[in-house]
Full PDB file with SEQRES, HELIX, SHEET, SSBOND, CRYST1, ORIGX, SCALE, CONECT and MASTER records, all heavy atoms in Angstrom:
SEQRES   1 A   42  ALA GLY ASP ALA PRO GLY LEU GLY ALA ASN SER MET ALA          
SEQRES   2 A   42  ASP TYR LEU GLY LEU THR ARG LEU SER HIS VAL ASP THR          
SEQRES   3 A   42  THR ASP THR GLY GLY SER ALA TYR LEU ILE HIS VAL ALA          
SEQRES   4 A   42  HIS ALA ALA                                                  
HELIX    1 AA1 ALA A    9  LEU A   16  1                                   8    
HELIX    2 AA2 GLY A   30  SER A   32  5                                   3    
HELIX    3 AA3 ALA A   33  ALA A   41  1                                   9    
CRYST1    1.000    1.000    1.000  90.00  90.00  90.00 P 1           1          
ORIGX1      1.000000  0.000000  0.000000        0.00000                         
ORIGX2      0.000000  1.000000  0.000000        0.00000                         
ORIGX3      0.000000  0.000000  1.000000        0.00000                         
SCALE1      1.000000  0.000000  0.000000        0.00000                         
SCALE2      0.000000  1.000000  0.000000        0.00000                         
SCALE3      0.000000  0.000000  1.000000        0.00000                         
ATOM      1  N   ALA A   1      95.863 160.504 184.950  1.00  0.00           N  
ATOM      2  CA  ALA A   1      96.339 159.466 185.890  1.00  0.00           C  
ATOM      3  C   ALA A   1      96.041 158.118 185.354  1.00  0.00           C  
ATOM      4  O   ALA A   1      95.808 157.964 184.188  1.00  0.00           O  
ATOM      5  CB  ALA A   1      95.947 159.677 187.317  1.00  0.00           C  
ATOM      6  N   GLY A   2      96.179 157.102 186.273  1.00  0.00           N  
ATOM      7  CA  GLY A   2      95.976 155.734 185.711  1.00  0.00           C  
ATOM      8  C   GLY A   2      94.595 155.362 185.263  1.00  0.00           C  
ATOM      9  O   GLY A   2      94.528 154.251 184.731  1.00  0.00           O  
ATOM     10  N   ASP A   3      93.625 156.233 185.468  1.00  0.00           N  
ATOM     11  CA  ASP A   3      92.366 155.953 184.872  1.00  0.00           C  
ATOM     12  C   ASP A   3      92.216 156.207 183.248  1.00  0.00           C  
ATOM     13  O   ASP A   3      91.285 155.803 182.664  1.00  0.00           O  
ATOM     14  CB  ASP A   3      91.241 156.883 185.470  1.00  0.00           C  
ATOM     15  CG  ASP A   3      91.547 158.317 185.447  1.00  0.00           C  
ATOM     16  OD1 ASP A   3      92.385 158.756 186.194  1.00  0.00           O  
ATOM     17  OD2 ASP A   3      91.049 158.995 184.461  1.00  0.00           O  
ATOM     18  N   ALA A   4      93.217 156.885 182.813  1.00  0.00           N  
ATOM     19  CA  ALA A   4      93.315 157.266 181.362  1.00  0.00           C  
ATOM     20  C   ALA A   4      93.539 155.928 180.571  1.00  0.00           C  
ATOM     21  O   ALA A   4      94.481 155.246 180.841  1.00  0.00           O  
ATOM     22  CB  ALA A   4      94.428 158.235 181.069  1.00  0.00           C  
ATOM     23  N   PRO A   5      92.822 155.599 179.590  1.00  0.00           N  
ATOM     24  CA  PRO A   5      92.872 154.357 178.831  1.00  0.00           C  
ATOM     25  C   PRO A   5      94.112 154.520 177.921  1.00  0.00           C  
ATOM     26  O   PRO A   5      94.627 155.434 177.553  1.00  0.00           O  
ATOM     27  CB  PRO A   5      91.606 154.188 178.035  1.00  0.00           C  
ATOM     28  CG  PRO A   5      91.171 155.715 177.829  1.00  0.00           C  
ATOM     29  CD  PRO A   5      91.600 156.402 179.076  1.00  0.00           C  
ATOM     30  N   GLY A   6      94.604 153.311 177.354  1.00  0.00           N  
ATOM     31  CA  GLY A   6      95.679 153.219 176.505  1.00  0.00           C  
ATOM     32  C   GLY A   6      97.086 153.470 177.211  1.00  0.00           C  
ATOM     33  O   GLY A   6      97.163 153.161 178.353  1.00  0.00           O  
ATOM     34  N   LEU A   7      97.837 154.158 176.449  1.00  0.00           N  
ATOM     35  CA  LEU A   7      99.179 154.537 177.055  1.00  0.00           C  
ATOM     36  C   LEU A   7      99.137 155.944 177.755  1.00  0.00           C  
ATOM     37  O   LEU A   7      99.786 156.832 177.267  1.00  0.00           O  
ATOM     38  CB  LEU A   7     100.221 154.453 175.955  1.00  0.00           C  
ATOM     39  CG  LEU A   7     101.735 154.547 176.223  1.00  0.00           C  
ATOM     40  CD1 LEU A   7     102.011 153.523 177.331  1.00  0.00           C  
ATOM     41  CD2 LEU A   7     102.548 154.529 175.022  1.00  0.00           C  
ATOM     42  N   GLY A   8      98.158 155.959 178.581  1.00  0.00           N  
ATOM     43  CA  GLY A   8      98.063 157.336 179.385  1.00  0.00           C  
ATOM     44  C   GLY A   8      97.905 158.482 178.572  1.00  0.00           C  
ATOM     45  O   GLY A   8      97.060 158.601 177.728  1.00  0.00           O  
ATOM     46  N   ALA A   9      98.812 159.359 178.973  1.00  0.00           N  
ATOM     47  CA  ALA A   9      98.760 160.708 178.243  1.00  0.00           C  
ATOM     48  C   ALA A   9      99.024 160.690 176.752  1.00  0.00           C  
ATOM     49  O   ALA A   9      98.498 161.287 175.955  1.00  0.00           O  
ATOM     50  CB  ALA A   9      99.824 161.714 178.872  1.00  0.00           C  
ATOM     51  N   ASN A  10      99.778 159.697 176.303  1.00  0.00           N  
ATOM     52  CA  ASN A  10     100.059 159.474 174.862  1.00  0.00           C  
ATOM     53  C   ASN A  10      98.740 159.238 174.135  1.00  0.00           C  
ATOM     54  O   ASN A  10      98.408 159.978 173.139  1.00  0.00           O  
ATOM     55  CB  ASN A  10     100.938 158.370 174.563  1.00  0.00           C  
ATOM     56  CG  ASN A  10     102.399 158.700 175.037  1.00  0.00           C  
ATOM     57  OD1 ASN A  10     102.633 159.396 175.867  1.00  0.00           O  
ATOM     58  ND2 ASN A  10     103.384 157.901 174.414  1.00  0.00           N  
ATOM     59  N   SER A  11      98.010 158.339 174.671  1.00  0.00           N  
ATOM     60  CA  SER A  11      96.648 158.063 173.948  1.00  0.00           C  
ATOM     61  C   SER A  11      95.710 159.165 174.126  1.00  0.00           C  
ATOM     62  O   SER A  11      95.013 159.480 173.062  1.00  0.00           O  
ATOM     63  CB  SER A  11      96.154 156.657 174.543  1.00  0.00           C  
ATOM     64  OG  SER A  11      97.154 155.573 174.276  1.00  0.00           O  
ATOM     65  N   MET A  12      95.546 159.595 175.248  1.00  0.00           N  
ATOM     66  CA  MET A  12      94.434 160.693 175.612  1.00  0.00           C  
ATOM     67  C   MET A  12      94.751 161.912 174.808  1.00  0.00           C  
ATOM     68  O   MET A  12      93.882 162.576 174.355  1.00  0.00           O  
ATOM     69  CB  MET A  12      94.261 160.864 176.972  1.00  0.00           C  
ATOM     70  CG  MET A  12      93.554 159.799 177.728  1.00  0.00           C  
ATOM     71  SD  MET A  12      92.005 159.326 176.912  1.00  0.00           S  
ATOM     72  CE  MET A  12      91.124 160.932 176.777  1.00  0.00           C  
ATOM     73  N   ALA A  13      96.024 162.400 174.784  1.00  0.00           N  
ATOM     74  CA  ALA A  13      96.296 163.658 174.151  1.00  0.00           C  
ATOM     75  C   ALA A  13      95.977 163.467 172.620  1.00  0.00           C  
ATOM     76  O   ALA A  13      95.614 164.512 172.157  1.00  0.00           O  
ATOM     77  CB  ALA A  13      97.826 164.089 174.308  1.00  0.00           C  
ATOM     78  N   ASP A  14      96.360 162.405 172.119  1.00  0.00           N  
ATOM     79  CA  ASP A  14      96.015 162.268 170.657  1.00  0.00           C  
ATOM     80  C   ASP A  14      94.526 162.124 170.441  1.00  0.00           C  
ATOM     81  O   ASP A  14      93.991 162.792 169.520  1.00  0.00           O  
ATOM     82  CB  ASP A  14      96.696 160.980 170.168  1.00  0.00           C  
ATOM     83  CG  ASP A  14      96.668 160.821 168.651  1.00  0.00           C  
ATOM     84  OD1 ASP A  14      96.821 161.737 167.960  1.00  0.00           O  
ATOM     85  OD2 ASP A  14      96.504 159.614 168.171  1.00  0.00           O  
ATOM     86  N   TYR A  15      93.885 161.426 171.333  1.00  0.00           N  
ATOM     87  CA  TYR A  15      92.423 161.271 171.208  1.00  0.00           C  
ATOM     88  C   TYR A  15      91.685 162.705 171.319  1.00  0.00           C  
ATOM     89  O   TYR A  15      90.752 162.974 170.687  1.00  0.00           O  
ATOM     90  CB  TYR A  15      91.810 160.356 172.276  1.00  0.00           C  
ATOM     91  CG  TYR A  15      90.305 160.069 172.224  1.00  0.00           C  
ATOM     92  CD1 TYR A  15      89.835 159.037 171.428  1.00  0.00           C  
ATOM     93  CD2 TYR A  15      89.540 160.715 173.000  1.00  0.00           C  
ATOM     94  CE1 TYR A  15      88.423 158.807 171.269  1.00  0.00           C  
ATOM     95  CE2 TYR A  15      88.044 160.439 172.987  1.00  0.00           C  
ATOM     96  CZ  TYR A  15      87.646 159.444 172.246  1.00  0.00           C  
ATOM     97  OH  TYR A  15      86.262 159.335 172.082  1.00  0.00           O  
ATOM     98  N   LEU A  16      92.207 163.461 172.272  1.00  0.00           N  
ATOM     99  CA  LEU A  16      91.559 164.838 172.577  1.00  0.00           C  
ATOM    100  C   LEU A  16      92.007 165.789 171.509  1.00  0.00           C  
ATOM    101  O   LEU A  16      91.367 166.867 171.382  1.00  0.00           O  
ATOM    102  CB  LEU A  16      92.020 165.331 173.913  1.00  0.00           C  
ATOM    103  CG  LEU A  16      91.507 164.486 175.166  1.00  0.00           C  
ATOM    104  CD1 LEU A  16      92.132 165.115 176.418  1.00  0.00           C  
ATOM    105  CD2 LEU A  16      89.988 164.678 175.290  1.00  0.00           C  
ATOM    106  N   GLY A  17      92.997 165.552 170.772  1.00  0.00           N  
ATOM    107  CA  GLY A  17      93.425 166.520 169.723  1.00  0.00           C  
ATOM    108  C   GLY A  17      94.286 167.727 170.348  1.00  0.00           C  
ATOM    109  O   GLY A  17      94.181 168.767 169.861  1.00  0.00           O  
ATOM    110  N   LEU A  18      95.153 167.330 171.303  1.00  0.00           N  
ATOM    111  CA  LEU A  18      96.052 168.280 171.996  1.00  0.00           C  
ATOM    112  C   LEU A  18      97.264 168.322 171.185  1.00  0.00           C  
ATOM    113  O   LEU A  18      98.072 167.360 171.304  1.00  0.00           O  
ATOM    114  CB  LEU A  18      96.210 167.935 173.446  1.00  0.00           C  
ATOM    115  CG  LEU A  18      94.956 167.875 174.339  1.00  0.00           C  
ATOM    116  CD1 LEU A  18      95.240 167.420 175.689  1.00  0.00           C  
ATOM    117  CD2 LEU A  18      94.295 169.326 174.467  1.00  0.00           C  
ATOM    118  N   THR A  19      97.606 169.243 170.385  1.00  0.00           N  
ATOM    119  CA  THR A  19      98.682 169.212 169.461  1.00  0.00           C  
ATOM    120  C   THR A  19      99.744 170.203 169.865  1.00  0.00           C  
ATOM    121  O   THR A  19     100.773 170.387 169.059  1.00  0.00           O  
ATOM    122  CB  THR A  19      98.209 169.610 168.075  1.00  0.00           C  
ATOM    123  OG1 THR A  19      97.618 170.881 167.934  1.00  0.00           O  
ATOM    124  CG2 THR A  19      97.188 168.542 167.561  1.00  0.00           C  
ATOM    125  N   ARG A  20      99.502 171.070 170.973  1.00  0.00           N  
ATOM    126  CA  ARG A  20     100.417 172.189 171.275  1.00  0.00           C  
ATOM    127  C   ARG A  20     101.146 171.919 172.723  1.00  0.00           C  
ATOM    128  O   ARG A  20     101.478 172.909 173.347  1.00  0.00           O  
ATOM    129  CB  ARG A  20      99.677 173.531 171.251  1.00  0.00           C  
ATOM    130  CG  ARG A  20      99.200 173.861 169.961  1.00  0.00           C  
ATOM    131  CD  ARG A  20      98.549 175.273 169.986  1.00  0.00           C  
ATOM    132  NE  ARG A  20      99.451 176.333 170.361  1.00  0.00           N  
ATOM    133  CZ  ARG A  20      99.397 176.838 171.529  1.00  0.00           C  
ATOM    134  NH1 ARG A  20      98.576 176.635 172.417  1.00  0.00           N  
ATOM    135  NH2 ARG A  20     100.285 177.973 171.808  1.00  0.00           N  
ATOM    136  N   LEU A  21     101.105 170.714 173.031  1.00  0.00           N  
ATOM    137  CA  LEU A  21     101.640 170.387 174.459  1.00  0.00           C  
ATOM    138  C   LEU A  21     103.068 170.680 174.653  1.00  0.00           C  
ATOM    139  O   LEU A  21     103.934 170.184 173.792  1.00  0.00           O  
ATOM    140  CB  LEU A  21     101.294 168.958 174.899  1.00  0.00           C  
ATOM    141  CG  LEU A  21      99.925 168.561 174.945  1.00  0.00           C  
ATOM    142  CD1 LEU A  21      99.697 167.096 175.282  1.00  0.00           C  
ATOM    143  CD2 LEU A  21      99.192 169.400 175.936  1.00  0.00           C  
ATOM    144  N   SER A  22     103.342 171.335 175.662  1.00  0.00           N  
ATOM    145  CA  SER A  22     104.872 171.638 176.121  1.00  0.00           C  
ATOM    146  C   SER A  22     105.147 170.982 177.504  1.00  0.00           C  
ATOM    147  O   SER A  22     106.248 171.039 177.996  1.00  0.00           O  
ATOM    148  CB  SER A  22     105.281 173.126 176.115  1.00  0.00           C  
ATOM    149  OG  SER A  22     104.426 173.814 176.943  1.00  0.00           O  
ATOM    150  N   HIS A  23     104.139 170.554 178.139  1.00  0.00           N  
ATOM    151  CA  HIS A  23     104.321 169.888 179.472  1.00  0.00           C  
ATOM    152  C   HIS A  23     103.162 168.752 179.702  1.00  0.00           C  
ATOM    153  O   HIS A  23     102.114 168.973 179.432  1.00  0.00           O  
ATOM    154  CB  HIS A  23     104.125 170.946 180.556  1.00  0.00           C  
ATOM    155  CG  HIS A  23     104.609 170.430 181.937  1.00  0.00           C  
ATOM    156  ND1 HIS A  23     105.968 170.303 182.301  1.00  0.00           N  
ATOM    157  CD2 HIS A  23     103.789 170.017 183.045  1.00  0.00           C  
ATOM    158  CE1 HIS A  23     105.983 169.846 183.734  1.00  0.00           C  
ATOM    159  NE2 HIS A  23     104.752 169.677 184.032  1.00  0.00           N  
ATOM    160  N   VAL A  24     103.687 167.581 180.258  1.00  0.00           N  
ATOM    161  CA  VAL A  24     102.767 166.537 180.526  1.00  0.00           C  
ATOM    162  C   VAL A  24     103.094 165.936 181.844  1.00  0.00           C  
ATOM    163  O   VAL A  24     104.272 165.792 182.143  1.00  0.00           O  
ATOM    164  CB  VAL A  24     102.970 165.362 179.311  1.00  0.00           C  
ATOM    165  CG1 VAL A  24     102.036 164.179 179.691  1.00  0.00           C  
ATOM    166  CG2 VAL A  24     102.643 166.017 177.969  1.00  0.00           C  
ATOM    167  N   ASP A  25     102.092 165.497 182.581  1.00  0.00           N  
ATOM    168  CA  ASP A  25     102.291 164.803 183.838  1.00  0.00           C  
ATOM    169  C   ASP A  25     101.394 163.830 184.043  1.00  0.00           C  
ATOM    170  O   ASP A  25     100.162 163.986 183.963  1.00  0.00           O  
ATOM    171  CB  ASP A  25     102.283 165.966 185.082  1.00  0.00           C  
ATOM    172  CG  ASP A  25     102.637 165.575 186.362  1.00  0.00           C  
ATOM    173  OD1 ASP A  25     102.337 164.338 186.686  1.00  0.00           O  
ATOM    174  OD2 ASP A  25     103.110 166.372 187.096  1.00  0.00           O  
ATOM    175  N   THR A  26     101.798 162.549 184.328  1.00  0.00           N  
ATOM    176  CA  THR A  26     100.879 161.338 184.649  1.00  0.00           C  
ATOM    177  C   THR A  26     101.073 160.892 185.967  1.00  0.00           C  
ATOM    178  O   THR A  26     100.927 159.673 186.225  1.00  0.00           O  
ATOM    179  CB  THR A  26     101.285 160.383 183.579  1.00  0.00           C  
ATOM    180  OG1 THR A  26     102.646 159.926 183.582  1.00  0.00           O  
ATOM    181  CG2 THR A  26     100.975 160.740 182.181  1.00  0.00           C  
ATOM    182  N   THR A  27     101.398 161.713 187.046  1.00  0.00           N  
ATOM    183  CA  THR A  27     101.513 161.299 188.325  1.00  0.00           C  
ATOM    184  C   THR A  27     100.221 160.485 188.815  1.00  0.00           C  
ATOM    185  O   THR A  27      99.186 160.900 188.585  1.00  0.00           O  
ATOM    186  CB  THR A  27     101.698 162.410 189.172  1.00  0.00           C  
ATOM    187  OG1 THR A  27     102.836 163.118 188.890  1.00  0.00           O  
ATOM    188  CG2 THR A  27     101.675 162.087 190.736  1.00  0.00           C  
ATOM    189  N   ASP A  28     100.389 159.263 189.342  1.00  0.00           N  
ATOM    190  CA  ASP A  28      99.209 158.537 189.846  1.00  0.00           C  
ATOM    191  C   ASP A  28      99.412 158.137 191.159  1.00  0.00           C  
ATOM    192  O   ASP A  28     100.379 157.268 191.570  1.00  0.00           O  
ATOM    193  CB  ASP A  28      99.001 157.292 188.945  1.00  0.00           C  
ATOM    194  CG  ASP A  28      97.799 156.726 189.213  1.00  0.00           C  
ATOM    195  OD1 ASP A  28      96.948 157.096 189.890  1.00  0.00           O  
ATOM    196  OD2 ASP A  28      97.502 155.557 188.495  1.00  0.00           O  
ATOM    197  N   THR A  29      98.595 158.661 192.128  1.00  0.00           N  
ATOM    198  CA  THR A  29      98.619 158.274 193.561  1.00  0.00           C  
ATOM    199  C   THR A  29      97.161 157.979 193.939  1.00  0.00           C  
ATOM    200  O   THR A  29      96.774 158.308 195.024  1.00  0.00           O  
ATOM    201  CB  THR A  29      99.163 159.409 194.442  1.00  0.00           C  
ATOM    202  OG1 THR A  29      98.415 160.682 194.174  1.00  0.00           O  
ATOM    203  CG2 THR A  29     100.552 159.696 194.180  1.00  0.00           C  
ATOM    204  N   GLY A  30      96.437 157.400 193.073  1.00  0.00           N  
ATOM    205  CA  GLY A  30      95.025 157.016 193.213  1.00  0.00           C  
ATOM    206  C   GLY A  30      94.143 158.213 193.238  1.00  0.00           C  
ATOM    207  O   GLY A  30      94.345 159.200 192.476  1.00  0.00           O  
ATOM    208  N   GLY A  31      93.141 158.254 194.237  1.00  0.00           N  
ATOM    209  CA  GLY A  31      92.261 159.387 194.161  1.00  0.00           C  
ATOM    210  C   GLY A  31      92.876 160.773 194.579  1.00  0.00           C  
ATOM    211  O   GLY A  31      92.223 161.696 194.258  1.00  0.00           O  
ATOM    212  N   SER A  32      94.092 160.701 195.043  1.00  0.00           N  
ATOM    213  CA  SER A  32      94.658 161.947 195.446  1.00  0.00           C  
ATOM    214  C   SER A  32      95.430 162.578 194.278  1.00  0.00           C  
ATOM    215  O   SER A  32      95.916 163.752 194.364  1.00  0.00           O  
ATOM    216  CB  SER A  32      95.663 161.839 196.734  1.00  0.00           C  
ATOM    217  OG  SER A  32      96.559 160.920 196.249  1.00  0.00           O  
ATOM    218  N   ALA A  33      95.582 161.860 193.234  1.00  0.00           N  
ATOM    219  CA  ALA A  33      96.456 162.204 191.939  1.00  0.00           C  
ATOM    220  C   ALA A  33      95.989 163.611 191.450  1.00  0.00           C  
ATOM    221  O   ALA A  33      96.755 164.476 191.082  1.00  0.00           O  
ATOM    222  CB  ALA A  33      96.379 161.260 190.994  1.00  0.00           C  
ATOM    223  N   TYR A  34      94.746 163.903 191.440  1.00  0.00           N  
ATOM    224  CA  TYR A  34      94.189 165.029 190.738  1.00  0.00           C  
ATOM    225  C   TYR A  34      94.442 166.367 191.407  1.00  0.00           C  
ATOM    226  O   TYR A  34      94.575 167.391 190.859  1.00  0.00           O  
ATOM    227  CB  TYR A  34      92.764 164.898 190.380  1.00  0.00           C  
ATOM    228  CG  TYR A  34      92.565 163.510 189.742  1.00  0.00           C  
ATOM    229  CD1 TYR A  34      92.198 162.333 190.587  1.00  0.00           C  
ATOM    230  CD2 TYR A  34      92.858 163.139 188.439  1.00  0.00           C  
ATOM    231  CE1 TYR A  34      92.168 161.000 190.200  1.00  0.00           C  
ATOM    232  CE2 TYR A  34      92.932 161.862 188.047  1.00  0.00           C  
ATOM    233  CZ  TYR A  34      92.447 160.791 189.027  1.00  0.00           C  
ATOM    234  OH  TYR A  34      92.456 159.481 188.444  1.00  0.00           O  
ATOM    235  N   LEU A  35      94.469 166.278 192.875  1.00  0.00           N  
ATOM    236  CA  LEU A  35      94.927 167.420 193.550  1.00  0.00           C  
ATOM    237  C   LEU A  35      96.403 167.665 193.405  1.00  0.00           C  
ATOM    238  O   LEU A  35      96.858 168.866 193.263  1.00  0.00           O  
ATOM    239  CB  LEU A  35      94.517 167.261 195.121  1.00  0.00           C  
ATOM    240  CG  LEU A  35      93.052 167.200 195.484  1.00  0.00           C  
ATOM    241  CD1 LEU A  35      92.492 165.866 195.223  1.00  0.00           C  
ATOM    242  CD2 LEU A  35      92.861 167.753 196.854  1.00  0.00           C  
ATOM    243  N   ILE A  36      97.159 166.567 193.400  1.00  0.00           N  
ATOM    244  CA  ILE A  36      98.539 166.751 193.004  1.00  0.00           C  
ATOM    245  C   ILE A  36      98.744 167.339 191.655  1.00  0.00           C  
ATOM    246  O   ILE A  36      99.559 168.257 191.354  1.00  0.00           O  
ATOM    247  CB  ILE A  36      99.282 165.385 193.180  1.00  0.00           C  
ATOM    248  CG1 ILE A  36      99.423 164.937 194.568  1.00  0.00           C  
ATOM    249  CG2 ILE A  36     100.681 165.512 192.588  1.00  0.00           C  
ATOM    250  CD1 ILE A  36     100.027 163.695 194.822  1.00  0.00           C  
ATOM    251  N   HIS A  37      97.841 167.028 190.657  1.00  0.00           N  
ATOM    252  CA  HIS A  37      97.969 167.495 189.373  1.00  0.00           C  
ATOM    253  C   HIS A  37      97.686 169.017 189.381  1.00  0.00           C  
ATOM    254  O   HIS A  37      98.545 169.777 188.683  1.00  0.00           O  
ATOM    255  CB  HIS A  37      96.940 166.871 188.398  1.00  0.00           C  
ATOM    256  CG  HIS A  37      97.281 165.578 188.090  1.00  0.00           C  
ATOM    257  ND1 HIS A  37      96.371 164.625 187.469  1.00  0.00           N  
ATOM    258  CD2 HIS A  37      98.214 164.702 188.226  1.00  0.00           C  
ATOM    259  CE1 HIS A  37      96.873 163.525 187.236  1.00  0.00           C  
ATOM    260  NE2 HIS A  37      98.016 163.584 187.716  1.00  0.00           N  
ATOM    261  N   VAL A  38      96.796 169.489 190.157  1.00  0.00           N  
ATOM    262  CA  VAL A  38      96.599 170.920 190.294  1.00  0.00           C  
ATOM    263  C   VAL A  38      97.947 171.536 190.767  1.00  0.00           C  
ATOM    264  O   VAL A  38      98.230 172.713 190.265  1.00  0.00           O  
ATOM    265  CB  VAL A  38      95.379 171.305 191.234  1.00  0.00           C  
ATOM    266  CG1 VAL A  38      95.324 172.779 191.446  1.00  0.00           C  
ATOM    267  CG2 VAL A  38      94.048 170.688 190.605  1.00  0.00           C  
ATOM    268  N   ALA A  39      98.523 170.922 191.820  1.00  0.00           N  
ATOM    269  CA  ALA A  39      99.687 171.581 192.429  1.00  0.00           C  
ATOM    270  C   ALA A  39     100.828 171.460 191.375  1.00  0.00           C  
ATOM    271  O   ALA A  39     101.527 172.557 191.195  1.00  0.00           O  
ATOM    272  CB  ALA A  39     100.035 170.909 193.667  1.00  0.00           C  
ATOM    273  N   HIS A  40     100.997 170.452 190.718  1.00  0.00           N  
ATOM    274  CA  HIS A  40     101.986 170.288 189.601  1.00  0.00           C  
ATOM    275  C   HIS A  40     101.769 171.219 188.481  1.00  0.00           C  
ATOM    276  O   HIS A  40     102.657 171.757 187.821  1.00  0.00           O  
ATOM    277  CB  HIS A  40     102.143 168.885 189.188  1.00  0.00           C  
ATOM    278  CG  HIS A  40     102.752 167.981 190.200  1.00  0.00           C  
ATOM    279  ND1 HIS A  40     103.068 166.605 189.951  1.00  0.00           N  
ATOM    280  CD2 HIS A  40     103.120 168.239 191.532  1.00  0.00           C  
ATOM    281  CE1 HIS A  40     103.613 166.156 191.045  1.00  0.00           C  
ATOM    282  NE2 HIS A  40     103.642 167.012 192.040  1.00  0.00           N  
ATOM    283  N   ALA A  41     100.491 171.443 188.124  1.00  0.00           N  
ATOM    284  CA  ALA A  41     100.243 172.515 186.999  1.00  0.00           C  
ATOM    285  C   ALA A  41     100.538 173.790 187.424  1.00  0.00           C  
ATOM    286  O   ALA A  41     101.160 174.564 186.718  1.00  0.00           O  
ATOM    287  CB  ALA A  41      98.711 172.301 186.786  1.00  0.00           C  
ATOM    288  N   ALA A  42     100.317 174.110 188.775  1.00  0.00           N  
ATOM    289  CA  ALA A  42     100.748 175.468 189.196  1.00  0.00           C  
ATOM    290  C   ALA A  42     102.174 175.661 189.176  1.00  0.00           C  
ATOM    291  O   ALA A  42     102.819 176.668 188.856  1.00  0.00           O  
ATOM    292  CB  ALA A  42     100.140 175.679 190.661  1.00  0.00           C  
TER     293      ALA A  42                                                      
MASTER        0    0    0    3    0    0    0    6  292    1    0    4          
END                                                                             
């Protein structure tokens, strides 16, 4: 979500070394975003 530095998922995926991604979600609704992420991941 919005706490990720740089260009969000673009920057963090590269920093983390995630090279096999087929799905990305940067929904940001403040503190509730991460529960939404669990639902969206499911």
